[in-house]
Amino acid sequence: MTAQPAEKMPAEEMPAEPRRYDEDLPVAERGSGTTITPYRDGPLIVRGDFRLVDQDGAEIDPGRETIALCRCGKSGIKPFCDGSHKRSGFSAPSAPSRPRPAAQLRQDG
């Protein structure tokens, strides 16, 4: 099975309320490299100039500049999101609940 970007999903697999995840990004930030944004209870949104490769180094064509990557593990088109997180009740914050140890060490340094 070949992975498809979300825009090519059959209608029955589309999330109930499609959301344009790039609409809330300030225009000034849209052309400034790559950003990865974990959405609360949703996917990882990757925007900008990036390469997506599998563990063997083979390139995966995302078909667009902004993609949603599955974070819940339930998508039928992994690594892309198909909205399954809503049906499965996936829950995760947008930001870490506590700082990573390495980040704390750098601040204390």
Protein backbone atom coordinates (compact mmCIF):
# COMPACT_ATOMS: atom_id res chain seq x y z
CA MET A 1 0.00 0.00 0.00
CA THR A 2 1.30 3.42 -0.94
CA ALA A 3 0.94 6.24 1.57
CA GLN A 4 -1.10 9.19 0.38
CA PRO A 5 -1.11 12.77 1.61
CA ALA A 6 -4.33 13.76 3.37
CA GLU A 7 -5.62 15.73 0.37
CA LYS A 8 -5.94 12.50 -1.66
CA MET A 9 -7.80 10.45 0.98
CA PRO A 10 -11.16 8.93 0.06
CA ALA A 11 -14.04 11.00 1.45
CA GLU A 12 -15.06 8.31 3.96
CA GLU A 13 -11.59 8.49 5.58
CA MET A 14 -11.51 12.29 5.85
CA PRO A 15 -11.87 13.79 9.33
CA ALA A 16 -15.41 14.98 10.09
CA GLU A 17 -14.25 18.59 10.23
CA PRO A 18 -11.25 19.12 7.90
CA ARG A 19 -8.91 21.75 9.25
CA ARG A 20 -6.33 23.81 7.42
CA TYR A 21 -3.48 23.59 9.93
CA ASP A 22 -1.44 26.26 8.15
CA GLU A 23 -4.12 28.96 8.42
CA ASP A 24 -3.15 29.91 11.96
CA LEU A 25 0.55 30.32 11.13
CA PRO A 26 1.62 33.97 10.70
CA VAL A 27 2.44 34.75 7.07
CA ALA A 28 5.93 35.92 8.10
CA GLU A 29 6.75 32.43 9.41
CA ARG A 30 5.50 30.45 6.40
CA GLY A 31 8.72 30.80 4.38
CA SER A 32 11.31 30.61 7.12
CA GLY A 33 12.59 27.02 7.16
CA THR A 34 10.88 24.01 8.64
CA THR A 35 8.54 24.04 11.61
CA ILE A 36 7.00 21.02 13.34
CA THR A 37 3.98 21.77 15.48
CA PRO A 38 2.32 19.16 17.70
CA TYR A 39 -1.40 19.95 17.73
CA ARG A 40 -3.31 19.30 20.94
CA ASP A 41 -5.04 15.89 20.65
CA GLY A 42 -3.94 15.73 17.00
CA PRO A 43 -1.12 15.26 14.51
CA LEU A 44 2.33 16.73 14.06
CA ILE A 45 2.10 19.45 11.42
CA VAL A 46 5.27 19.86 9.35
CA ARG A 47 5.60 23.06 7.31
CA GLY A 48 8.30 24.37 5.04
CA ASP A 49 11.27 22.85 3.28
CA PHE A 50 11.82 19.27 4.49
CA ARG A 51 12.68 15.75 3.33
CA LEU A 52 10.66 12.79 4.57
CA VAL A 53 12.53 9.46 4.47
CA ASP A 54 11.86 5.97 5.80
CA GLN A 55 14.28 4.17 8.14
CA ASP A 56 16.19 2.79 5.13
CA GLY A 57 16.71 6.27 3.71
CA ALA A 58 14.19 5.96 0.86
CA GLU A 59 12.44 9.25 0.25
CA ILE A 60 8.69 9.47 0.84
CA ASP A 61 7.02 12.01 -1.44
CA PRO A 62 4.65 14.05 0.73
CA GLY A 63 3.04 15.74 -2.28
CA ARG A 64 2.87 19.14 -0.58
CA GLU A 65 4.75 21.65 1.60
CA THR A 66 2.53 21.25 4.68
CA ILE A 67 1.74 17.76 5.94
CA ALA A 68 0.12 16.18 8.97
CA LEU A 69 2.01 13.24 10.47
CA CYS A 70 0.20 10.65 12.60
CA ARG A 71 0.91 10.88 16.31
CA CYS A 72 -1.74 8.47 17.60
CA GLY A 73 -0.62 5.34 15.73
CA LYS A 74 -4.11 4.60 14.35
CA SER A 75 -3.86 6.14 10.85
CA GLY A 76 -4.49 3.92 7.87
CA ILE A 77 -2.05 5.95 5.75
CA LYS A 78 0.97 6.19 8.10
CA PRO A 79 3.13 8.17 8.42
CA PHE A 80 0.39 10.65 7.38
CA CYS A 81 -2.61 11.55 9.54
CA ASP A 82 -6.07 10.49 8.36
CA GLY A 83 -8.05 11.86 11.31
CA SER A 84 -8.20 8.58 13.21
CA HIS A 85 -7.06 10.37 16.37
CA LYS A 86 -10.57 11.82 16.74
CA ARG A 87 -12.31 8.44 16.47
CA SER A 88 -9.83 6.74 18.80
CA GLY A 89 -9.99 9.37 21.54
CA PHE A 90 -6.27 10.18 21.29
CA SER A 91 -5.21 12.76 23.84
CA ALA A 92 -1.90 14.61 24.03
CA PRO A 93 -0.87 18.16 24.85
CA SER A 94 0.65 20.53 22.34
CA ALA A 95 3.66 21.23 24.56
CA PRO A 96 5.63 19.05 26.99
CA SER A 97 4.23 18.98 30.51
CA ARG A 98 7.74 19.45 31.90
CA PRO A 99 11.12 20.51 30.47
CA ARG A 100 13.45 17.89 29.09
CA PRO A 101 16.43 17.21 31.39
CA ALA A 102 18.98 18.42 28.84
CA ALA A 103 17.13 21.71 28.41
CA GLN A 104 17.17 22.24 32.18
CA LEU A 105 20.91 21.55 32.36
CA ARG A 106 21.57 24.17 29.67
CA GLN A 107 19.50 26.75 31.54
CA ASP A 108 21.32 26.03 34.80
CA GLY A 109 24.72 25.98 33.10
